[in-house]
Amino acid sequence: MSTEFHVDHEQIRAHAGTVARLSDGLSAAAGAMTGGPASNALGTFMEFATVGLGDAISQAARAVSSASGALDSVSRGLAGSAEDYQRADDEGVAALRGGEA
């Protein structure tokens, strides 16, 4: 059984960046989903449908925005973990060197 444990904090940082870019993309998509069709876009007879469509678009925009926020939280958590691992590595190296920085 191996007792070796290795964490590459740079890979974690890179992944955090990827997740942040996904979050940014979702945020941009949510921002682009504003409004909806004009109430008479489908004609007077179908006005009820355009109102419903506008409501559905607003609901979808809120869901996409929520997903963006969740990914942003994940990205920040990953970046924080990378910092923690790097700090632990740096402190371990310093301890092995007898306190040298």
N, C-alpha and C. Protein backbone atom coordinates (compact mmCIF):
# COMPACT_ATOMS: atom_id res chain seq x y z
N MET A 1 0.84 -1.17 0.00
CA MET A 1 0.00 0.00 0.00
C MET A 1 0.89 1.24 0.00
N SER A 2 0.61 2.14 -0.90
CA SER A 2 1.40 3.37 -1.02
C SER A 2 0.94 4.40 0.00
N THR A 3 1.90 5.06 0.59
CA THR A 3 1.59 6.14 1.53
C THR A 3 1.93 7.49 0.93
N GLU A 4 2.25 7.49 -0.37
CA GLU A 4 2.62 8.73 -1.04
C GLU A 4 1.38 9.57 -1.33
N PHE A 5 1.51 10.84 -1.10
CA PHE A 5 0.40 11.77 -1.33
C PHE A 5 0.97 13.00 -2.01
N HIS A 6 0.41 13.35 -3.16
CA HIS A 6 0.92 14.50 -3.89
C HIS A 6 -0.26 15.31 -4.43
N VAL A 7 -0.19 16.60 -4.21
CA VAL A 7 -1.20 17.51 -4.74
C VAL A 7 -0.48 18.56 -5.56
N ASP A 8 -0.92 18.74 -6.78
CA ASP A 8 -0.32 19.75 -7.66
C ASP A 8 -1.22 20.99 -7.60
N HIS A 9 -0.80 21.96 -6.79
CA HIS A 9 -1.64 23.14 -6.59
C HIS A 9 -1.81 23.95 -7.87
N GLU A 10 -0.85 23.84 -8.79
CA GLU A 10 -0.99 24.56 -10.07
C GLU A 10 -2.12 23.97 -10.91
N GLN A 11 -2.27 22.65 -10.86
CA GLN A 11 -3.38 22.03 -11.60
C GLN A 11 -4.72 22.43 -10.98
N ILE A 12 -4.75 22.53 -9.65
CA ILE A 12 -5.98 22.97 -8.99
C ILE A 12 -6.30 24.41 -9.40
N ARG A 13 -5.27 25.26 -9.43
CA ARG A 13 -5.48 26.66 -9.86
C ARG A 13 -5.98 26.71 -11.31
N ALA A 14 -5.38 25.89 -12.16
CA ALA A 14 -5.81 25.86 -13.57
C ALA A 14 -7.27 25.44 -13.68
N HIS A 15 -7.65 24.44 -12.91
CA HIS A 15 -9.04 23.98 -12.93
C HIS A 15 -9.97 25.08 -12.39
N ALA A 16 -9.53 25.77 -11.35
CA ALA A 16 -10.32 26.89 -10.81
C ALA A 16 -10.54 27.94 -11.89
N GLY A 17 -9.52 28.19 -12.70
CA GLY A 17 -9.66 29.15 -13.79
C GLY A 17 -10.65 28.68 -14.84
N THR A 18 -10.62 27.39 -15.14
CA THR A 18 -11.58 26.82 -16.10
C THR A 18 -13.00 26.97 -15.59
N VAL A 19 -13.20 26.64 -14.32
CA VAL A 19 -14.53 26.76 -13.72
C VAL A 19 -14.98 28.22 -13.70
N ALA A 20 -14.05 29.14 -13.42
CA ALA A 20 -14.38 30.57 -13.42
C ALA A 20 -14.82 31.02 -14.81
N ARG A 21 -14.15 30.53 -15.84
CA ARG A 21 -14.54 30.89 -17.21
C ARG A 21 -15.93 30.34 -17.54
N LEU A 22 -16.24 29.15 -17.07
CA LEU A 22 -17.59 28.60 -17.27
C LEU A 22 -18.62 29.47 -16.56
N SER A 23 -18.30 29.88 -15.35
CA SER A 23 -19.19 30.76 -14.60
C SER A 23 -19.42 32.07 -15.34
N ASP A 24 -18.34 32.65 -15.87
CA ASP A 24 -18.46 33.90 -16.63
C ASP A 24 -19.35 33.72 -17.86
N GLY A 25 -19.18 32.58 -18.54
CA GLY A 25 -20.00 32.30 -19.72
C GLY A 25 -21.48 32.19 -19.36
N LEU A 26 -21.76 31.50 -18.26
CA LEU A 26 -23.16 31.38 -17.83
C LEU A 26 -23.72 32.73 -17.41
N SER A 27 -22.90 33.53 -16.75
CA SER A 27 -23.34 34.86 -16.35
C SER A 27 -23.68 35.71 -17.57
N ALA A 28 -22.84 35.64 -18.59
CA ALA A 28 -23.10 36.38 -19.83
C ALA A 28 -24.38 35.88 -20.50
N ALA A 29 -24.57 34.57 -20.49
CA ALA A 29 -25.78 34.00 -21.09
C ALA A 29 -27.02 34.47 -20.34
N ALA A 30 -26.95 34.47 -19.01
CA ALA A 30 -28.10 34.92 -18.21
C ALA A 30 -28.39 36.39 -18.50
N GLY A 31 -27.35 37.19 -18.64
CA GLY A 31 -27.54 38.60 -18.95
C GLY A 31 -28.16 38.83 -20.31
N ALA A 32 -27.87 37.94 -21.24
CA ALA A 32 -28.42 38.07 -22.59
C ALA A 32 -29.88 37.63 -22.67
N MET A 33 -30.35 36.97 -21.64
CA MET A 33 -31.72 36.44 -21.65
C MET A 33 -32.72 37.42 -21.06
N THR A 34 -32.43 38.69 -21.11
CA THR A 34 -33.34 39.67 -20.54
C THR A 34 -34.53 39.91 -21.46
N GLY A 35 -35.59 40.34 -20.85
CA GLY A 35 -36.77 40.69 -21.63
C GLY A 35 -37.50 39.49 -22.17
N GLY A 36 -37.83 39.58 -23.38
CA GLY A 36 -38.60 38.56 -24.06
C GLY A 36 -39.26 39.21 -25.26
N PRO A 37 -40.09 38.48 -25.93
CA PRO A 37 -40.74 39.05 -27.11
C PRO A 37 -41.76 40.12 -26.71
N ALA A 38 -41.97 41.07 -27.58
CA ALA A 38 -43.01 42.08 -27.35
C ALA A 38 -44.36 41.37 -27.25
N SER A 39 -45.27 41.94 -26.50
CA SER A 39 -46.55 41.26 -26.26
C SER A 39 -47.32 40.98 -27.54
N ASN A 40 -47.09 41.76 -28.57
CA ASN A 40 -47.81 41.53 -29.83
C ASN A 40 -46.92 40.87 -30.89
N ALA A 41 -45.81 40.30 -30.47
CA ALA A 41 -44.87 39.71 -31.43
C ALA A 41 -45.49 38.57 -32.24
N LEU A 42 -46.40 37.85 -31.64
CA LEU A 42 -47.05 36.73 -32.34
C LEU A 42 -48.47 37.08 -32.77
N GLY A 43 -48.79 38.35 -32.68
CA GLY A 43 -50.14 38.79 -33.06
C GLY A 43 -51.03 38.89 -31.83
N THR A 44 -52.13 39.58 -32.00
CA THR A 44 -53.06 39.81 -30.89
C THR A 44 -53.63 38.50 -30.36
N PHE A 45 -53.95 37.59 -31.25
CA PHE A 45 -54.54 36.32 -30.83
C PHE A 45 -53.60 35.50 -29.95
N MET A 46 -52.29 35.60 -30.18
CA MET A 46 -51.30 34.81 -29.43
C MET A 46 -50.60 35.61 -28.33
N GLU A 47 -51.17 36.75 -27.95
CA GLU A 47 -50.54 37.60 -26.94
C GLU A 47 -50.29 36.85 -25.64
N PHE A 48 -51.22 35.98 -25.25
CA PHE A 48 -51.05 35.19 -24.03
C PHE A 48 -49.80 34.32 -24.10
N ALA A 49 -49.50 33.83 -25.29
CA ALA A 49 -48.33 32.96 -25.45
C ALA A 49 -47.03 33.74 -25.29
N THR A 50 -47.00 34.97 -25.77
CA THR A 50 -45.78 35.76 -25.63
C THR A 50 -45.54 36.14 -24.18
N VAL A 51 -46.61 36.37 -23.43
CA VAL A 51 -46.45 36.66 -22.00
C VAL A 51 -45.88 35.42 -21.30
N GLY A 52 -46.42 34.26 -21.61
CA GLY A 52 -45.90 33.02 -21.04
C GLY A 52 -44.47 32.75 -21.44
N LEU A 53 -44.15 33.05 -22.69
CA LEU A 53 -42.79 32.87 -23.17
C LEU A 53 -41.83 33.80 -22.44
N GLY A 54 -42.25 35.04 -22.23
CA GLY A 54 -41.42 35.99 -21.48
C GLY A 54 -41.18 35.51 -20.06
N ASP A 55 -42.22 34.96 -19.41
CA ASP A 55 -42.06 34.42 -18.06
C ASP A 55 -41.09 33.24 -18.05
N ALA A 56 -41.20 32.37 -19.04
CA ALA A 56 -40.31 31.21 -19.13
C ALA A 56 -38.86 31.66 -19.34
N ILE A 57 -38.67 32.67 -20.17
CA ILE A 57 -37.31 33.18 -20.41
C ILE A 57 -36.75 33.77 -19.12
N SER A 58 -37.56 34.51 -18.38
CA SER A 58 -37.10 35.08 -17.11
C SER A 58 -36.73 34.00 -16.11
N GLN A 59 -37.54 32.96 -16.05
CA GLN A 59 -37.26 31.85 -15.14
C GLN A 59 -35.97 31.14 -15.55
N ALA A 60 -35.78 30.93 -16.83
CA ALA A 60 -34.55 30.29 -17.31
C ALA A 60 -33.34 31.16 -17.01
N ALA A 61 -33.48 32.47 -17.17
CA ALA A 61 -32.37 33.39 -16.88
C ALA A 61 -31.99 33.31 -15.41
N ARG A 62 -32.98 33.24 -14.53
CA ARG A 62 -32.68 33.12 -13.10
C ARG A 62 -31.97 31.81 -12.80
N ALA A 63 -32.39 30.72 -13.44
CA ALA A 63 -31.74 29.42 -13.22
C ALA A 63 -30.30 29.44 -13.72
N VAL A 64 -30.07 30.03 -14.88
CA VAL A 64 -28.71 30.10 -15.43
C VAL A 64 -27.84 30.99 -14.55
N SER A 65 -28.40 32.08 -14.06
CA SER A 65 -27.67 32.97 -13.15
C SER A 65 -27.32 32.25 -11.85
N SER A 66 -28.23 31.46 -11.35
CA SER A 66 -27.97 30.68 -10.14
C SER A 66 -26.85 29.67 -10.37
N ALA A 67 -26.87 29.01 -11.51
CA ALA A 67 -25.80 28.06 -11.85
C ALA A 67 -24.47 28.78 -11.95
N SER A 68 -24.47 29.97 -12.51
CA SER A 68 -23.25 30.77 -12.61
C SER A 68 -22.70 31.07 -11.22
N GLY A 69 -23.58 31.45 -10.31
CA GLY A 69 -23.15 31.73 -8.94
C GLY A 69 -22.58 30.50 -8.25
N ALA A 70 -23.20 29.35 -8.50
CA ALA A 70 -22.69 28.11 -7.91
C ALA A 70 -21.29 27.79 -8.44
N LEU A 71 -21.10 27.93 -9.74
CA LEU A 71 -19.78 27.68 -10.32
C LEU A 71 -18.75 28.68 -9.81
N ASP A 72 -19.16 29.92 -9.61
CA ASP A 72 -18.25 30.92 -9.06
C ASP A 72 -17.80 30.51 -7.67
N SER A 73 -18.72 30.00 -6.86
CA SER A 73 -18.36 29.52 -5.52
C SER A 73 -17.39 28.35 -5.59
N VAL A 74 -17.63 27.44 -6.51
CA VAL A 74 -16.72 26.30 -6.69
C VAL A 74 -15.34 26.79 -7.09
N SER A 75 -15.29 27.72 -8.02
CA SER A 75 -14.01 28.27 -8.47
C SER A 75 -13.24 28.90 -7.32
N ARG A 76 -13.92 29.71 -6.51
CA ARG A 76 -13.26 30.35 -5.38
C ARG A 76 -12.79 29.31 -4.36
N GLY A 77 -13.58 28.26 -4.16
CA GLY A 77 -13.18 27.19 -3.25
C GLY A 77 -11.95 26.45 -3.75
N LEU A 78 -11.91 26.17 -5.03
CA LEU A 78 -10.73 25.51 -5.61
C LEU A 78 -9.49 26.38 -5.49
N ALA A 79 -9.64 27.67 -5.78
CA ALA A 79 -8.49 28.58 -5.67
C ALA A 79 -8.00 28.65 -4.23
N GLY A 80 -8.92 28.69 -3.29
CA GLY A 80 -8.53 28.69 -1.87
C GLY A 80 -7.84 27.41 -1.47
N SER A 81 -8.32 26.28 -1.97
CA SER A 81 -7.67 25.00 -1.68
C SER A 81 -6.26 24.96 -2.25
N ALA A 82 -6.08 25.48 -3.46
CA ALA A 82 -4.75 25.53 -4.06
C ALA A 82 -3.81 26.36 -3.19
N GLU A 83 -4.30 27.48 -2.69
CA GLU A 83 -3.48 28.32 -1.81
C GLU A 83 -3.12 27.57 -0.53
N ASP A 84 -4.10 26.88 0.05
CA ASP A 84 -3.85 26.12 1.27
C ASP A 84 -2.80 25.03 1.06
N TYR A 85 -2.92 24.29 -0.05
CA TYR A 85 -1.94 23.24 -0.34
C TYR A 85 -0.55 23.84 -0.56
N GLN A 86 -0.48 24.94 -1.29
CA GLN A 86 0.83 25.55 -1.52
C GLN A 86 1.43 26.04 -0.21
N ARG A 87 0.62 26.66 0.63
CA ARG A 87 1.11 27.12 1.93
C ARG A 87 1.63 25.95 2.76
N ALA A 88 0.88 24.84 2.77
CA ALA A 88 1.31 23.66 3.52
C ALA A 88 2.63 23.13 2.97
N ASP A 89 2.76 23.09 1.65
CA ASP A 89 4.02 22.65 1.04
C ASP A 89 5.17 23.57 1.43
N ASP A 90 4.94 24.87 1.33
CA ASP A 90 5.99 25.84 1.66
C ASP A 90 6.40 25.73 3.13
N GLU A 91 5.43 25.56 4.01
CA GLU A 91 5.74 25.41 5.43
C GLU A 91 6.48 24.11 5.70
N GLY A 92 6.10 23.05 4.99
CA GLY A 92 6.80 21.77 5.15
C GLY A 92 8.24 21.86 4.70
N VAL A 93 8.47 22.52 3.57
CA VAL A 93 9.83 22.71 3.07
C VAL A 93 10.64 23.52 4.07
N ALA A 94 10.04 24.59 4.60
CA ALA A 94 10.74 25.43 5.57
C ALA A 94 11.07 24.64 6.83
N ALA A 95 10.16 23.79 7.28
CA ALA A 95 10.42 22.99 8.47
C ALA A 95 11.55 22.00 8.23
N LEU A 96 11.57 21.40 7.04
CA LEU A 96 12.64 20.45 6.73
C LEU A 96 14.00 21.14 6.62
N ARG A 97 13.99 22.39 6.23
CA ARG A 97 15.24 23.14 6.12
C ARG A 97 15.62 23.80 7.44
N GLY A 98 14.89 23.51 8.46
CA GLY A 98 15.21 24.07 9.76
C GLY A 98 14.73 25.49 9.94
N GLY A 99 13.62 25.82 9.33
CA GLY A 99 13.04 27.14 9.50
C GLY A 99 13.42 28.13 8.45
N GLU A 100 14.25 27.74 7.47
CA GLU A 100 14.61 28.66 6.39
C GLU A 100 13.39 28.92 5.52
N ALA A 101 13.29 30.12 5.04
CA ALA A 101 12.17 30.45 4.15
C ALA A 101 12.54 30.25 2.71
